[in-house]
Amino acid sequence: MRSNSKYTPAGAAKRCPICEGKFGLVRHYSWRTALCSKKCADRFRIRRECDRRWLHWFQPA
């Protein structure tokens, strides 16, 4: 088996997508995205809400 980090299995996240922090013992999930803390989960939800409000203006009539 390869132990090189270049060959990690697909879908195996090593770092948080919001803050690039390492995962601890507990992972928080929002929309199937693994996050390192409750703080990052709240940031992720706020970002999604802002994106949803911004994209609302561009919906076709």
C-alpha atoms as a PDB file:
ATOM      1  CA  MET A   1       0.000   0.000   0.000  1.00  0.00           C
ATOM      2  CA  ARG A   2       1.279   3.453  -0.831  1.00  0.00           C
ATOM      3  CA  SER A   3       1.908   5.738   2.134  1.00  0.00           C
ATOM      4  CA  ASN A   4       2.565   8.856   0.093  1.00  0.00           C
ATOM      5  CA  SER A   5       0.128  11.738   0.716  1.00  0.00           C
ATOM      6  CA  LYS A   6      -0.212  12.118  -3.060  1.00  0.00           C
ATOM      7  CA  TYR A   7      -2.175   8.866  -3.126  1.00  0.00           C
ATOM      8  CA  THR A   8      -4.817   9.587  -0.479  1.00  0.00           C
ATOM      9  CA  PRO A   9      -8.204   7.977  -1.124  1.00  0.00           C
ATOM     10  CA  ALA A  10     -10.809  10.048  -2.918  1.00  0.00           C
ATOM     11  CA  GLY A  11     -12.968  11.975  -0.487  1.00  0.00           C
ATOM     12  CA  ALA A  12     -10.547  11.749   2.430  1.00  0.00           C
ATOM     13  CA  ALA A  13     -10.352  15.300   3.719  1.00  0.00           C
ATOM     14  CA  LYS A  14      -7.257  16.211   5.703  1.00  0.00           C
ATOM     15  CA  ARG A  15      -8.013  19.859   6.493  1.00  0.00           C
ATOM     16  CA  CYS A  16     -11.013  22.097   7.063  1.00  0.00           C
ATOM     17  CA  PRO A  17     -12.159  23.843   3.835  1.00  0.00           C
ATOM     18  CA  ILE A  18     -12.962  27.089   5.703  1.00  0.00           C
ATOM     19  CA  CYS A  19      -9.888  27.743   7.868  1.00  0.00           C
ATOM     20  CA  GLU A  20      -7.448  25.065   6.610  1.00  0.00           C
ATOM     21  CA  GLY A  21      -7.144  23.829  10.211  1.00  0.00           C
ATOM     22  CA  LYS A  22      -6.559  20.215  11.158  1.00  0.00           C
ATOM     23  CA  PHE A  23      -9.479  18.069  12.254  1.00  0.00           C
ATOM     24  CA  GLY A  24      -9.731  17.110  15.906  1.00  0.00           C
ATOM     25  CA  LEU A  25     -11.630  14.246  17.479  1.00  0.00           C
ATOM     26  CA  VAL A  26     -14.997  15.734  16.518  1.00  0.00           C
ATOM     27  CA  ARG A  27     -16.017  16.865  13.039  1.00  0.00           C
ATOM     28  CA  HIS A  28     -18.991  19.094  12.401  1.00  0.00           C
ATOM     29  CA  TYR A  29     -20.884  18.596   9.141  1.00  0.00           C
ATOM     30  CA  SER A  30     -22.889  21.035   7.080  1.00  0.00           C
ATOM     31  CA  TRP A  31     -24.171  20.066   3.624  1.00  0.00           C
ATOM     32  CA  ARG A  32     -21.889  17.000   3.585  1.00  0.00           C
ATOM     33  CA  THR A  33     -18.857  19.178   4.201  1.00  0.00           C
ATOM     34  CA  ALA A  34     -16.629  18.187   7.113  1.00  0.00           C
ATOM     35  CA  LEU A  35     -15.659  21.182   9.253  1.00  0.00           C
ATOM     36  CA  CYS A  36     -13.242  21.378  12.173  1.00  0.00           C
ATOM     37  CA  SER A  37     -15.320  23.373  14.664  1.00  0.00           C
ATOM     38  CA  LYS A  38     -18.709  24.852  15.448  1.00  0.00           C
ATOM     39  CA  LYS A  39     -17.259  28.274  14.587  1.00  0.00           C
ATOM     40  CA  CYS A  40     -16.386  27.106  11.055  1.00  0.00           C
ATOM     41  CA  ALA A  41     -19.821  25.497  10.700  1.00  0.00           C
ATOM     42  CA  ASP A  42     -21.450  28.836  11.546  1.00  0.00           C
ATOM     43  CA  ARG A  43     -19.203  30.656   9.048  1.00  0.00           C
ATOM     44  CA  PHE A  44     -20.103  28.122   6.361  1.00  0.00           C
ATOM     45  CA  ARG A  45     -23.846  28.581   6.968  1.00  0.00           C
ATOM     46  CA  ILE A  46     -23.526  32.388   6.880  1.00  0.00           C
ATOM     47  CA  ARG A  47     -21.578  32.205   3.615  1.00  0.00           C
ATOM     48  CA  ARG A  48     -24.251  29.969   2.037  1.00  0.00           C
ATOM     49  CA  GLU A  49     -27.023  32.350   3.145  1.00  0.00           C
ATOM     50  CA  CYS A  50     -25.179  35.349   1.660  1.00  0.00           C
ATOM     51  CA  ASP A  51     -24.641  33.474  -1.612  1.00  0.00           C
ATOM     52  CA  ARG A  52     -28.316  32.512  -1.719  1.00  0.00           C
ATOM     53  CA  ARG A  53     -29.430  36.138  -1.189  1.00  0.00           C
ATOM     54  CA  TRP A  54     -26.982  37.426  -3.797  1.00  0.00           C
ATOM     55  CA  LEU A  55     -28.028  34.858  -6.416  1.00  0.00           C
ATOM     56  CA  HIS A  56     -31.713  35.604  -5.812  1.00  0.00           C
ATOM     57  CA  TRP A  57     -31.319  38.840  -7.804  1.00  0.00           C
ATOM     58  CA  PHE A  58     -30.208  36.950 -10.925  1.00  0.00           C
ATOM     59  CA  GLN A  59     -33.064  34.465 -11.167  1.00  0.00           C
ATOM     60  CA  PRO A  60     -35.005  34.696 -14.438  1.00  0.00           C
ATOM     61  CA  ALA A  61     -38.493  36.149 -14.308  1.00  0.00           C
END
